[in-house]
Amino acid sequence: MIEFKDMSLVYPNGHHALKNINLKINDGEFVVVVGMSGAGKSSLIRSINRMVTPTDGELLLDGEDILAFKEKKLRHLRTNVGMVFQNYNLVKRMSVLRNVMAGRLGYTGTFRSMLGLFPQEDLQLAMANLNRVGIGEKAYVRADQLSGGQQQRVSIARVLTQQPKVILADEPVASLDPPTSHRVMKDLKRVSKEDNLTTLVNLHFIDMAMEYADRIIGLRDGEVVFDGPIDQVSEKTFEQIYGRPIKDDDLLGGDEA
């Protein structure tokens, strides 16, 4: 379980990114976080792996306050909490398989990884995860030769190879066309459920939030303005979250290219 207790985040420039956040995320939930740009979505999920550090309150992962973690515990935390980035975060000149093997860095170590000294079982795990997202045949292709959607599926395979308990995805489909976005989201939702992973995803498009979320958390100006299961969500909910009508808005997304 992930629990935010009166958590706030003020950046050094004085910007109040998060204000008194109180949330509980249950094991195995697939949660979508929505809100306008600047609402605090990225700050919220990046606090969970301490990419940003809240300035007040508590943030508990399985009962431990991760805000108190120092170097060794932080490294362990980041092994247990995987991240899928908007820009894929791949080493473009390296093969797909080597990029996926980066998910084992927390176990293998940087030096052995640089020499390509991976245990056979880790290589088998990486290949299995590439097959799970449908791109096993691309294992020995350079990452920069793949399409955007394929690169994002490589990043999902990499995070699965990390074998985390939690996956964070920060606008993972923002730079993809709608059909490719749906393919990536289907893969992410499927593998999260298969492995019973707690997953938090920031999304821009409302239609995707409605299709894939178990639960919606809405942020506005750094505060939680909605938190509920998907069956309690309506168009009015999103108008409440965004503070404006959403009909004919680009927030709706869609399947058109």
Protein backbone atom coordinates (compact mmCIF):
# COMPACT_ATOMS: atom_id res chain seq x y z
CA MET A 1 0.00 0.00 0.00
CA ILE A 2 1.07 3.56 -0.76
CA GLU A 3 -0.19 6.19 1.68
CA PHE A 4 0.15 9.96 1.49
CA LYS A 5 -0.40 11.70 4.83
CA ASP A 6 -0.77 15.49 4.77
CA MET A 7 2.00 15.54 2.16
CA SER A 8 3.06 18.83 0.59
CA LEU A 9 5.80 19.81 -1.83
CA VAL A 10 7.23 23.29 -2.20
CA TYR A 11 9.96 23.71 -4.81
CA PRO A 12 13.00 25.93 -4.09
CA ASN A 13 11.49 28.69 -6.26
CA GLY A 14 8.50 28.85 -3.88
CA HIS A 15 6.02 27.00 -6.12
CA HIS A 16 3.53 24.95 -4.09
CA ALA A 17 3.29 21.86 -6.31
CA LEU A 18 1.34 19.69 -3.84
CA LYS A 19 -0.80 20.75 -0.89
CA ASN A 20 -1.83 18.49 1.98
CA ILE A 21 -2.27 15.31 -0.06
CA ASN A 22 -4.07 12.47 1.72
CA LEU A 23 -4.46 9.30 -0.35
CA LYS A 24 -4.27 5.53 -0.02
CA ILE A 25 -3.33 3.44 -3.06
CA ASN A 26 -4.10 -0.24 -2.59
CA ASP A 27 -1.92 -3.10 -3.81
CA GLY A 28 -2.68 -4.07 -7.41
CA GLU A 29 -4.72 -0.95 -8.27
CA PHE A 30 -4.39 0.67 -11.69
CA VAL A 31 -4.84 4.36 -10.88
CA VAL A 32 -4.97 7.18 -13.42
CA VAL A 33 -4.12 10.70 -12.29
CA VAL A 34 -5.65 13.53 -14.32
CA GLY A 35 -5.58 17.30 -14.22
CA MET A 36 -4.50 20.36 -16.16
CA SER A 37 -0.83 20.97 -16.94
CA GLY A 38 0.78 22.26 -13.74
CA ALA A 39 -1.82 20.61 -11.51
CA GLY A 40 0.86 18.54 -9.74
CA LYS A 41 0.44 15.17 -11.50
CA SER A 42 4.12 14.57 -12.20
CA SER A 43 5.13 15.83 -8.77
CA LEU A 44 2.69 13.40 -7.17
CA ILE A 45 3.93 10.25 -8.86
CA ARG A 46 7.62 11.26 -8.89
CA SER A 47 7.47 11.69 -5.12
CA ILE A 48 6.84 7.94 -4.82
CA ASN A 49 10.36 7.08 -6.04
CA ARG A 50 11.85 10.27 -4.56
CA MET A 51 12.68 11.80 -7.94
CA VAL A 52 11.25 14.80 -6.12
CA THR A 53 11.22 15.05 -2.34
CA PRO A 54 8.14 16.36 -0.52
CA THR A 55 8.78 19.04 2.06
CA ASP A 56 6.05 18.17 4.59
CA GLY A 57 4.02 15.21 5.76
CA GLU A 58 4.59 11.50 5.28
CA LEU A 59 4.69 9.13 2.30
CA LEU A 60 4.43 5.49 3.31
CA LEU A 61 5.24 2.47 1.15
CA ASP A 62 4.27 -0.77 2.88
CA GLY A 63 4.23 1.10 6.18
CA GLU A 64 7.67 2.76 5.88
CA ASP A 65 8.03 6.51 5.48
CA ILE A 66 10.18 6.81 2.35
CA LEU A 67 10.80 10.51 3.04
CA ALA A 68 13.24 9.41 5.74
CA PHE A 69 15.20 7.12 3.40
CA LYS A 70 18.91 7.74 2.87
CA GLU A 71 21.23 6.38 0.15
CA LYS A 72 21.04 2.61 0.65
CA LYS A 73 17.30 2.56 1.29
CA LEU A 74 16.72 4.95 -1.60
CA ARG A 75 18.51 2.57 -3.97
CA HIS A 76 16.34 -0.29 -2.72
CA LEU A 77 13.23 1.87 -3.12
CA ARG A 78 14.08 2.64 -6.74
CA THR A 79 14.53 -1.05 -7.43
CA ASN A 80 11.02 -1.71 -6.12
CA VAL A 81 9.42 1.27 -7.89
CA GLY A 82 9.77 1.25 -11.68
CA MET A 83 9.28 4.23 -13.97
CA VAL A 84 7.94 4.57 -17.52
CA PHE A 85 8.79 7.96 -19.02
CA GLN A 86 7.09 10.03 -21.70
CA ASN A 87 10.30 10.18 -23.78
CA TYR A 88 11.05 6.41 -23.34
CA ASN A 89 14.48 7.08 -21.72
CA LEU A 90 16.27 4.50 -23.86
CA VAL A 91 19.91 4.44 -24.94
CA LYS A 92 19.23 4.80 -28.65
CA ARG A 93 22.54 3.36 -29.94
CA MET A 94 22.14 0.16 -27.90
CA SER A 95 20.10 -2.88 -28.79
CA VAL A 96 16.58 -3.35 -27.52
CA LEU A 97 17.71 -6.28 -25.35
CA ARG A 98 20.52 -4.29 -23.73
CA ASN A 99 18.05 -1.51 -22.95
CA VAL A 100 15.69 -3.99 -21.32
CA MET A 101 18.57 -5.48 -19.33
CA ALA A 102 19.04 -2.05 -17.74
CA GLY A 103 16.10 -3.09 -15.59
CA ARG A 104 18.49 -5.46 -13.80
CA LEU A 105 20.99 -2.74 -12.83
CA GLY A 106 19.74 -2.70 -9.25
CA TYR A 107 20.65 -6.38 -8.99
CA THR A 108 23.67 -6.75 -11.31
CA GLY A 109 25.50 -3.47 -10.68
CA THR A 110 26.77 -0.87 -13.14
CA PHE A 111 30.25 -2.39 -13.72
CA ARG A 112 29.00 -5.88 -14.62
CA SER A 113 26.27 -4.32 -16.72
CA MET A 114 28.78 -2.24 -18.71
CA LEU A 115 30.71 -5.44 -19.48
CA GLY A 116 27.50 -7.22 -20.49
CA LEU A 117 27.93 -9.79 -17.71
CA PHE A 118 24.33 -10.75 -17.07
CA PRO A 119 23.17 -14.07 -15.58
CA GLN A 120 21.41 -16.30 -18.09
CA GLU A 121 18.19 -16.18 -16.09
CA ASP A 122 18.17 -12.37 -16.35
CA LEU A 123 18.55 -12.56 -20.14
CA GLN A 124 15.70 -15.06 -20.28
CA LEU A 125 13.56 -12.76 -18.13
CA ALA A 126 14.26 -9.82 -20.45
CA MET A 127 13.37 -11.84 -23.56
CA ALA A 128 10.19 -13.12 -21.92
CA ASN A 129 9.12 -9.55 -21.14
CA LEU A 130 9.84 -8.39 -24.70
CA ASN A 131 7.60 -11.20 -25.90
CA ARG A 132 4.90 -10.18 -23.43
CA VAL A 133 4.64 -6.77 -25.10
CA GLY A 134 4.85 -8.21 -28.59
CA ILE A 135 8.31 -7.14 -29.76
CA GLY A 136 10.55 -10.12 -29.01
CA GLU A 137 11.69 -10.17 -32.65
CA LYS A 138 13.22 -6.69 -32.16
CA ALA A 139 15.61 -7.82 -29.39
CA TYR A 140 18.81 -7.26 -31.39
CA VAL A 141 17.68 -4.14 -33.26
CA ARG A 142 19.06 -0.76 -32.20
CA ALA A 143 16.51 1.15 -30.14
CA ASP A 144 16.64 4.17 -32.46
CA GLN A 145 15.34 2.03 -35.34
CA LEU A 146 12.00 1.45 -33.62
CA SER A 147 8.82 3.49 -33.86
CA GLY A 148 7.70 5.55 -30.87
CA GLY A 149 5.15 2.97 -29.83
CA GLN A 150 7.71 0.16 -30.04
CA GLN A 151 10.17 2.19 -27.98
CA GLN A 152 7.58 2.72 -25.28
CA ARG A 153 6.86 -1.01 -25.22
CA VAL A 154 10.62 -1.57 -24.76
CA SER A 155 10.45 0.73 -21.74
CA ILE A 156 7.55 -1.33 -20.35
CA ALA A 157 9.55 -4.53 -20.87
CA ARG A 158 12.50 -2.88 -19.10
CA VAL A 159 10.44 -1.93 -16.07
CA LEU A 160 8.95 -5.45 -15.89
CA THR A 161 12.48 -6.89 -15.98
CA GLN A 162 13.22 -4.74 -12.93
CA GLN A 163 10.54 -6.82 -11.14
CA PRO A 164 9.13 -3.90 -9.15
CA LYS A 165 6.16 -3.80 -6.82
CA VAL A 166 5.01 -0.43 -8.18
CA ILE A 167 5.02 1.08 -11.68
CA LEU A 168 4.84 4.84 -12.23
CA ALA A 169 4.07 6.08 -15.74
CA ASP A 170 4.41 9.81 -16.40
CA GLU A 171 2.36 10.71 -19.51
CA PRO A 172 3.51 7.50 -21.23
CA VAL A 173 1.47 8.05 -24.42
CA ALA A 174 1.62 11.84 -24.75
CA SER A 175 3.84 11.74 -27.86
CA LEU A 176 2.06 8.85 -29.60
CA ASP A 177 -0.82 8.80 -32.08
CA PRO A 178 -4.17 7.58 -30.68
CA PRO A 179 -4.17 3.98 -32.04
CA THR A 180 -0.59 3.44 -30.83
CA SER A 181 -1.46 5.04 -27.49
CA HIS A 182 -4.24 2.52 -26.97
CA ARG A 183 -1.91 -0.38 -27.82
CA VAL A 184 0.64 0.82 -25.26
CA MET A 185 -2.03 1.38 -22.60
CA LYS A 186 -3.55 -2.07 -23.20
CA ASP A 187 -0.13 -3.66 -22.76
CA LEU A 188 0.57 -1.65 -19.60
CA LYS A 189 -2.81 -2.48 -18.07
CA ARG A 190 -2.55 -6.17 -18.99
CA VAL A 191 0.92 -6.79 -17.57
CA SER A 192 0.11 -4.77 -14.45
CA LYS A 193 -2.88 -7.01 -13.77
CA GLU A 194 -1.01 -10.21 -14.65
CA ASP A 195 1.74 -9.37 -12.15
CA ASN A 196 -0.55 -7.69 -9.59
CA LEU A 197 1.49 -4.48 -9.77
CA THR A 198 0.33 -1.24 -8.20
CA THR A 199 0.35 1.22 -11.11
CA LEU A 200 -0.08 5.00 -11.21
CA VAL A 201 -0.37 6.66 -14.60
CA ASN A 202 -0.60 10.34 -15.50
CA LEU A 203 -2.80 10.78 -18.57
CA HIS A 204 -3.86 13.78 -20.59
CA PHE A 205 -6.78 12.24 -22.49
CA ILE A 206 -10.06 11.67 -20.68
CA ASP A 207 -11.22 8.83 -22.95
CA MET A 208 -8.14 6.80 -22.06
CA ALA A 209 -8.55 7.53 -18.37
CA MET A 210 -12.12 6.24 -18.58
CA GLU A 211 -11.13 3.12 -20.54
CA TYR A 212 -8.14 1.92 -18.53
CA ALA A 213 -8.42 3.19 -14.95
CA ASP A 214 -9.67 1.24 -11.97
CA ARG A 215 -9.73 4.54 -10.12
CA ILE A 216 -9.38 8.21 -11.01
CA ILE A 217 -7.54 10.80 -8.93
CA GLY A 218 -8.09 14.38 -10.04
CA LEU A 219 -5.70 17.19 -9.15
CA ARG A 220 -6.13 20.93 -9.51
CA ASP A 221 -3.60 23.49 -8.28
CA GLY A 222 -1.76 20.84 -6.26
CA GLU A 223 -4.83 19.58 -4.41
CA VAL A 224 -6.93 16.43 -4.73
CA VAL A 225 -10.35 17.48 -6.02
CA PHE A 226 -11.63 13.99 -6.87
CA ASP A 227 -10.79 10.45 -5.85
CA GLY A 228 -13.03 7.55 -6.73
CA PRO A 229 -13.56 4.29 -8.62
CA ILE A 230 -14.19 4.47 -12.34
CA ASP A 231 -17.88 3.57 -11.96
CA GLN A 232 -18.41 6.83 -10.06
CA VAL A 233 -16.84 8.96 -12.81
CA SER A 234 -18.86 10.98 -15.30
CA GLU A 235 -18.40 13.95 -17.59
CA LYS A 236 -19.38 16.16 -14.66
CA THR A 237 -16.51 14.66 -12.68
CA PHE A 238 -14.00 15.83 -15.26
CA GLU A 239 -15.59 19.27 -15.40
CA GLN A 240 -15.10 19.41 -11.63
CA ILE A 241 -11.47 18.34 -11.95
CA TYR A 242 -10.58 20.65 -14.83
CA GLY A 243 -12.78 23.52 -13.74
CA ARG A 244 -14.30 23.94 -17.20
CA PRO A 245 -16.58 22.18 -19.72
CA ILE A 246 -14.87 19.38 -21.62
CA LYS A 247 -17.16 18.83 -24.61
CA ASP A 248 -15.33 19.19 -27.95
CA ASP A 249 -12.12 19.65 -25.99
CA ASP A 250 -8.75 18.18 -26.96
CA LEU A 251 -8.81 16.48 -23.57
CA LEU A 252 -11.31 14.00 -24.98
CA GLY A 253 -8.74 12.41 -27.29
CA GLY A 254 -10.25 9.85 -29.62
CA ASP A 255 -9.17 7.34 -32.21
CA GLU A 256 -8.62 9.69 -35.09
CA ALA A 257 -5.07 10.04 -36.39
